[in-house]
N, C-alpha and C. Protein backbone atom coordinates (compact mmCIF):
# COMPACT_ATOMS: atom_id res chain seq x y z
N GLN A 1 11.43 24.25 14.51
CA GLN A 1 10.42 23.43 13.80
C GLN A 1 9.81 24.22 12.80
N VAL A 2 9.06 23.34 11.85
CA VAL A 2 8.26 24.13 10.86
C VAL A 2 6.97 23.49 10.99
N GLN A 3 6.04 24.56 10.85
CA GLN A 3 4.58 23.97 10.78
C GLN A 3 3.93 24.15 9.36
N LEU A 4 3.33 23.24 9.13
CA LEU A 4 2.78 23.18 7.64
C LEU A 4 1.18 22.97 7.66
N VAL A 5 0.26 23.85 6.93
CA VAL A 5 -1.08 23.74 6.87
C VAL A 5 -1.45 23.66 5.41
N GLU A 6 -2.23 22.57 5.24
CA GLU A 6 -2.59 22.44 3.90
C GLU A 6 -4.22 22.75 3.56
N SER A 7 -4.49 23.14 2.41
CA SER A 7 -5.69 23.63 2.00
C SER A 7 -6.08 23.40 0.63
N GLY A 8 -7.26 23.37 0.10
CA GLY A 8 -7.72 23.25 -1.31
C GLY A 8 -7.98 21.93 -1.75
N GLY A 9 -8.14 20.92 -1.00
CA GLY A 9 -8.58 19.51 -1.45
C GLY A 9 -10.16 19.64 -1.65
N GLY A 10 -10.51 18.60 -2.11
CA GLY A 10 -12.21 18.28 -2.33
C GLY A 10 -12.45 17.39 -3.23
N LEU A 11 -13.69 17.29 -3.82
CA LEU A 11 -14.13 16.37 -4.63
C LEU A 11 -14.44 17.08 -6.04
N VAL A 12 -13.81 16.34 -7.19
CA VAL A 12 -13.74 16.98 -8.38
C VAL A 12 -13.98 15.75 -9.48
N GLN A 13 -14.49 16.05 -10.50
CA GLN A 13 -14.86 15.29 -11.52
C GLN A 13 -13.71 14.87 -12.43
N PRO A 14 -13.68 13.73 -12.99
CA PRO A 14 -12.45 13.52 -13.86
C PRO A 14 -12.27 14.39 -14.80
N GLY A 15 -11.02 14.80 -15.12
CA GLY A 15 -10.69 15.78 -16.07
C GLY A 15 -10.83 17.25 -15.55
N GLY A 16 -11.20 17.35 -14.24
CA GLY A 16 -11.32 18.63 -13.60
C GLY A 16 -9.82 18.99 -12.91
N SER A 17 -9.88 20.17 -12.33
CA SER A 17 -8.74 20.81 -11.68
C SER A 17 -8.83 21.24 -10.38
N LEU A 18 -7.83 21.17 -9.59
CA LEU A 18 -7.72 21.60 -8.26
C LEU A 18 -6.37 22.24 -7.85
N ARG A 19 -6.45 23.13 -7.11
CA ARG A 19 -4.98 23.75 -6.60
C ARG A 19 -4.97 23.57 -5.04
N LEU A 20 -3.84 22.94 -4.68
CA LEU A 20 -3.58 22.86 -3.21
C LEU A 20 -2.69 23.92 -2.75
N SER A 21 -2.85 24.27 -1.59
CA SER A 21 -1.78 25.38 -0.87
C SER A 21 -1.45 24.70 0.38
N CYS A 22 -0.12 25.09 0.63
CA CYS A 22 0.42 24.84 1.91
C CYS A 22 1.22 25.92 2.25
N ALA A 23 0.62 26.35 3.54
CA ALA A 23 1.36 27.46 4.18
C ALA A 23 2.32 27.07 5.44
N ALA A 24 3.58 27.38 5.15
CA ALA A 24 4.70 27.17 6.14
C ALA A 24 4.91 28.37 7.27
N SER A 25 5.15 27.81 8.48
CA SER A 25 5.36 28.86 9.56
C SER A 25 6.51 28.28 10.51
N GLY A 26 6.99 29.15 11.23
CA GLY A 26 8.16 28.58 12.27
C GLY A 26 9.57 29.01 11.65
N ARG A 27 10.41 28.02 11.56
CA ARG A 27 11.83 28.15 11.27
C ARG A 27 11.92 27.85 9.88
N THR A 28 11.22 28.66 9.07
CA THR A 28 11.17 28.66 7.54
C THR A 28 12.46 28.91 6.89
N PHE A 29 13.52 29.55 7.49
CA PHE A 29 14.93 29.78 6.96
C PHE A 29 15.46 28.38 6.92
N ASN A 30 15.07 27.37 7.35
CA ASN A 30 15.95 26.32 7.36
C ASN A 30 15.37 25.32 6.15
N ILE A 31 14.30 25.86 5.41
CA ILE A 31 13.67 25.07 4.37
C ILE A 31 14.59 24.80 3.27
N TYR A 32 14.83 23.60 2.76
CA TYR A 32 15.55 23.32 1.56
C TYR A 32 14.76 22.98 0.45
N HIS A 33 13.92 22.03 0.43
CA HIS A 33 12.77 21.68 -0.39
C HIS A 33 11.47 21.79 0.28
N MET A 34 10.44 22.20 -0.47
CA MET A 34 9.16 22.07 -0.15
C MET A 34 8.38 20.85 -1.22
N GLY A 35 7.53 20.16 -0.67
CA GLY A 35 7.08 19.04 -1.60
C GLY A 35 5.65 18.51 -1.29
N TRP A 36 5.11 17.87 -2.16
CA TRP A 36 3.76 17.03 -1.86
C TRP A 36 4.03 15.77 -2.09
N PHE A 37 3.33 14.88 -1.25
CA PHE A 37 3.34 13.69 -1.31
C PHE A 37 1.83 13.16 -1.40
N ARG A 38 1.42 11.67 -1.59
CA ARG A 38 -0.13 11.34 -1.58
C ARG A 38 0.14 9.90 -1.15
N GLN A 39 -1.17 9.62 -0.50
CA GLN A 39 -1.26 8.34 0.11
C GLN A 39 -2.79 7.77 -0.48
N ALA A 40 -2.77 6.86 -1.16
CA ALA A 40 -4.04 6.48 -1.55
C ALA A 40 -4.64 5.23 -0.60
N PRO A 41 -5.86 4.94 -0.43
CA PRO A 41 -6.20 3.70 0.45
C PRO A 41 -5.45 2.51 0.15
N GLY A 42 -4.86 1.85 1.20
CA GLY A 42 -4.30 0.57 1.01
C GLY A 42 -2.95 0.58 0.19
N LYS A 43 -2.44 2.01 -0.01
CA LYS A 43 -1.22 2.07 -0.46
C LYS A 43 -0.04 2.94 0.14
N GLU A 44 1.14 2.70 -0.04
CA GLU A 44 2.19 3.56 0.54
C GLU A 44 2.11 4.96 0.10
N ARG A 45 2.81 5.87 1.06
CA ARG A 45 2.68 7.18 0.72
C ARG A 45 3.87 7.35 -0.49
N GLU A 46 3.35 8.30 -1.44
CA GLU A 46 4.38 8.31 -2.65
C GLU A 46 4.77 9.86 -3.03
N PHE A 47 5.69 10.04 -3.45
CA PHE A 47 6.30 11.40 -3.99
C PHE A 47 5.46 11.96 -5.01
N VAL A 48 5.16 13.02 -5.02
CA VAL A 48 4.39 13.74 -6.19
C VAL A 48 5.21 14.92 -6.92
N ALA A 49 5.58 15.81 -6.10
CA ALA A 49 6.39 16.84 -6.66
C ALA A 49 7.10 17.73 -5.58
N ALA A 50 8.16 18.35 -5.89
CA ALA A 50 9.02 19.16 -4.95
C ALA A 50 9.66 20.21 -5.65
N VAL A 51 9.89 21.32 -4.76
CA VAL A 51 10.35 22.47 -5.30
C VAL A 51 11.66 22.83 -4.45
N ASN A 52 12.79 23.43 -5.02
CA ASN A 52 13.91 23.86 -4.24
C ASN A 52 13.34 25.25 -3.85
N TRP A 53 13.47 25.51 -2.60
CA TRP A 53 13.05 26.69 -1.82
C TRP A 53 13.86 28.02 -2.34
N SER A 54 15.15 27.85 -2.68
CA SER A 54 15.89 28.90 -2.90
C SER A 54 16.08 29.04 -4.53
N ASP A 55 16.24 28.28 -5.25
CA ASP A 55 16.37 28.36 -6.82
C ASP A 55 15.22 28.14 -7.53
N GLY A 56 14.12 27.42 -7.01
CA GLY A 56 13.00 27.11 -7.59
C GLY A 56 12.93 26.02 -8.63
N ARG A 57 13.87 25.22 -8.70
CA ARG A 57 14.05 24.05 -9.43
C ARG A 57 12.93 23.11 -8.85
N THR A 58 12.27 22.35 -9.91
CA THR A 58 11.12 21.51 -9.66
C THR A 58 11.31 20.21 -9.86
N TYR A 59 10.69 19.08 -9.25
CA TYR A 59 10.81 17.85 -9.47
C TYR A 59 9.62 17.16 -9.51
N TYR A 60 9.30 16.23 -10.32
CA TYR A 60 8.02 15.51 -10.57
C TYR A 60 8.12 14.08 -10.44
N ALA A 61 7.20 13.43 -9.98
CA ALA A 61 6.97 11.88 -10.29
C ALA A 61 6.33 11.79 -11.55
N ASP A 62 6.65 10.67 -12.25
CA ASP A 62 6.26 10.33 -13.63
C ASP A 62 4.74 10.61 -13.81
N SER A 63 3.96 10.26 -12.83
CA SER A 63 2.41 10.35 -12.85
C SER A 63 1.89 11.78 -12.67
N ALA A 64 2.94 12.57 -12.33
CA ALA A 64 2.53 14.06 -12.09
C ALA A 64 3.00 14.95 -13.43
N LYS A 65 3.90 14.44 -14.09
CA LYS A 65 4.52 15.31 -15.16
C LYS A 65 3.49 15.58 -16.21
N GLY A 66 3.64 16.66 -16.58
CA GLY A 66 2.58 17.34 -17.75
C GLY A 66 1.12 17.59 -17.12
N ARG A 67 0.87 17.15 -16.00
CA ARG A 67 -0.46 17.51 -15.30
C ARG A 67 -0.44 18.28 -14.16
N PHE A 68 0.48 18.11 -13.32
CA PHE A 68 0.60 18.92 -12.01
C PHE A 68 1.71 20.11 -12.18
N THR A 69 1.50 21.14 -11.49
CA THR A 69 2.58 21.98 -11.54
C THR A 69 2.83 22.57 -9.95
N ILE A 70 4.00 22.39 -9.53
CA ILE A 70 4.21 22.99 -8.08
C ILE A 70 4.89 24.23 -8.24
N SER A 71 4.57 24.96 -7.51
CA SER A 71 5.23 26.43 -7.52
C SER A 71 5.25 27.06 -6.01
N ARG A 72 6.08 28.05 -5.88
CA ARG A 72 6.22 28.54 -4.50
C ARG A 72 6.06 30.07 -4.54
N ASP A 73 5.84 30.64 -3.27
CA ASP A 73 5.70 32.19 -3.06
C ASP A 73 6.68 32.30 -1.76
N ASN A 74 7.76 32.59 -1.91
CA ASN A 74 8.72 32.66 -0.80
C ASN A 74 8.22 33.85 0.16
N ALA A 75 7.83 34.83 -0.28
CA ALA A 75 7.32 35.92 0.61
C ALA A 75 6.28 35.43 1.59
N GLU A 76 5.31 34.53 1.01
CA GLU A 76 4.24 34.17 1.83
C GLU A 76 4.47 32.80 2.50
N ASN A 77 5.77 32.25 2.08
CA ASN A 77 6.06 31.06 2.67
C ASN A 77 5.03 29.93 2.33
N THR A 78 4.66 29.89 1.11
CA THR A 78 3.50 29.07 0.73
C THR A 78 3.95 28.34 -0.60
N VAL A 79 3.70 26.97 -0.56
CA VAL A 79 3.73 26.18 -1.79
C VAL A 79 2.46 25.92 -2.36
N TYR A 80 2.40 25.69 -3.61
CA TYR A 80 1.09 25.29 -4.37
C TYR A 80 1.43 24.00 -5.22
N LEU A 81 0.29 23.36 -5.39
CA LEU A 81 0.13 22.32 -6.38
C LEU A 81 -0.97 22.47 -7.18
N GLN A 82 -0.83 22.97 -8.53
CA GLN A 82 -1.83 23.02 -9.42
C GLN A 82 -2.02 21.60 -10.09
N MET A 83 -3.31 20.94 -9.96
CA MET A 83 -3.51 19.73 -10.42
C MET A 83 -4.50 19.75 -11.70
N ASN A 84 -4.13 19.39 -12.79
CA ASN A 84 -5.15 19.47 -14.06
C ASN A 84 -5.37 18.14 -14.61
N SER A 85 -6.39 17.89 -15.37
CA SER A 85 -6.67 16.60 -16.00
C SER A 85 -6.67 15.60 -15.04
N LEU A 86 -7.42 15.76 -13.90
CA LEU A 86 -7.22 14.77 -12.75
C LEU A 86 -8.08 13.54 -13.21
N LYS A 87 -7.44 12.43 -12.44
CA LYS A 87 -7.85 11.07 -12.92
C LYS A 87 -8.47 10.39 -11.69
N PRO A 88 -9.26 9.39 -11.54
CA PRO A 88 -9.65 8.71 -10.34
C PRO A 88 -8.75 8.48 -9.66
N GLU A 89 -7.46 7.91 -10.26
CA GLU A 89 -6.30 7.31 -9.47
C GLU A 89 -5.42 8.33 -8.86
N ASP A 90 -5.84 9.62 -9.17
CA ASP A 90 -5.23 10.63 -8.30
C ASP A 90 -5.87 10.78 -6.92
N THR A 91 -6.98 10.04 -6.65
CA THR A 91 -7.76 10.01 -5.38
C THR A 91 -6.62 9.62 -4.25
N ALA A 92 -6.53 10.41 -3.22
CA ALA A 92 -5.68 10.03 -2.23
C ALA A 92 -5.72 11.42 -1.29
N VAL A 93 -5.04 11.14 -0.04
CA VAL A 93 -4.75 12.26 0.86
C VAL A 93 -3.38 12.76 0.40
N TYR A 94 -3.38 14.11 0.24
CA TYR A 94 -2.18 14.84 -0.09
C TYR A 94 -1.47 15.47 1.15
N TYR A 95 -0.40 15.20 1.19
CA TYR A 95 0.41 15.79 2.22
C TYR A 95 1.40 16.83 1.57
N CYS A 96 1.55 17.94 2.50
CA CYS A 96 2.62 18.74 2.36
C CYS A 96 4.02 18.45 3.20
N ALA A 97 5.00 18.55 2.74
CA ALA A 97 6.35 18.35 3.43
C ALA A 97 7.34 19.23 3.23
N SER A 98 8.28 19.58 4.25
CA SER A 98 9.41 20.29 3.98
C SER A 98 10.51 19.62 4.55
N ALA A 99 11.87 19.83 3.70
CA ALA A 99 12.93 19.13 3.86
C ALA A 99 13.90 20.30 4.01
N VAL A 100 14.84 19.88 5.08
CA VAL A 100 16.00 20.83 5.63
C VAL A 100 17.20 20.43 4.88
N SER A 101 17.26 19.34 4.27
CA SER A 101 18.23 19.04 3.28
C SER A 101 17.73 18.01 2.19
N PRO A 102 18.43 17.74 1.24
CA PRO A 102 17.80 16.77 0.21
C PRO A 102 17.47 15.52 0.67
N ARG A 103 16.08 15.07 0.49
CA ARG A 103 15.54 13.94 0.89
C ARG A 103 15.23 13.75 2.49
N ASP A 104 15.54 14.88 3.07
CA ASP A 104 15.40 14.75 4.57
C ASP A 104 13.95 15.46 4.92
N TRP A 105 12.76 14.79 4.57
CA TRP A 105 11.51 15.23 4.81
C TRP A 105 11.12 15.36 6.28
N SER A 106 11.46 16.43 7.00
CA SER A 106 11.48 16.43 8.45
C SER A 106 9.93 16.74 8.92
N TYR A 107 9.34 17.62 8.07
CA TYR A 107 8.16 18.17 8.66
C TYR A 107 7.00 17.80 7.67
N TRP A 108 5.81 17.64 8.26
CA TRP A 108 4.61 17.12 7.52
C TRP A 108 3.39 17.97 7.88
N GLY A 109 2.63 18.18 6.93
CA GLY A 109 1.29 18.64 7.41
C GLY A 109 0.33 17.68 7.57
N GLN A 110 -0.85 18.01 8.07
CA GLN A 110 -1.88 16.87 8.38
C GLN A 110 -2.64 16.29 7.26
N GLY A 111 -2.53 16.78 5.99
CA GLY A 111 -2.92 16.23 4.83
C GLY A 111 -4.30 16.85 4.45
N THR A 112 -4.70 16.65 3.14
CA THR A 112 -5.93 17.10 2.57
C THR A 112 -6.45 16.09 1.70
N GLN A 113 -7.80 15.85 1.63
CA GLN A 113 -8.42 14.66 0.82
C GLN A 113 -8.73 15.42 -0.49
N VAL A 114 -8.32 14.54 -1.50
CA VAL A 114 -8.64 14.94 -2.78
C VAL A 114 -9.25 13.54 -3.43
N THR A 115 -10.63 13.92 -4.03
CA THR A 115 -11.27 12.84 -4.45
C THR A 115 -11.65 13.06 -5.88
N VAL A 116 -11.23 12.25 -6.71
CA VAL A 116 -11.70 12.52 -8.17
C VAL A 116 -12.63 11.42 -8.52
N SER A 117 -13.98 11.84 -8.82
CA SER A 117 -15.01 10.76 -9.13
C SER A 117 -16.06 11.51 -9.83
N ALA A 118 -16.82 10.75 -10.68
CA ALA A 118 -17.97 11.34 -11.38
C ALA A 118 -19.25 11.15 -10.42
């Protein structure tokens, strides 16, 4: 199994920035992708961004392109999500996830709240 622990959420004003971190432990050699998802109140969980653990290739939802950057530190088994130009509609619980194969998001963190409000 892989254990995931997120950190870095909080309250930020519109236009501000936050950086989320997710530390992985356990059977990390099985990781194919690491990614971030989010779930706003009353909405379904949605994909935000992902990174291939071996070659660093990145993938983004349209809502994240140009504002969010996903990165990884393989030595520390950590994935980051740098979020800039935040909008109120980015308010959600953000979840870190790991996949052992494409689209097989097997492991999830507990989530961290991001609130964008004036």
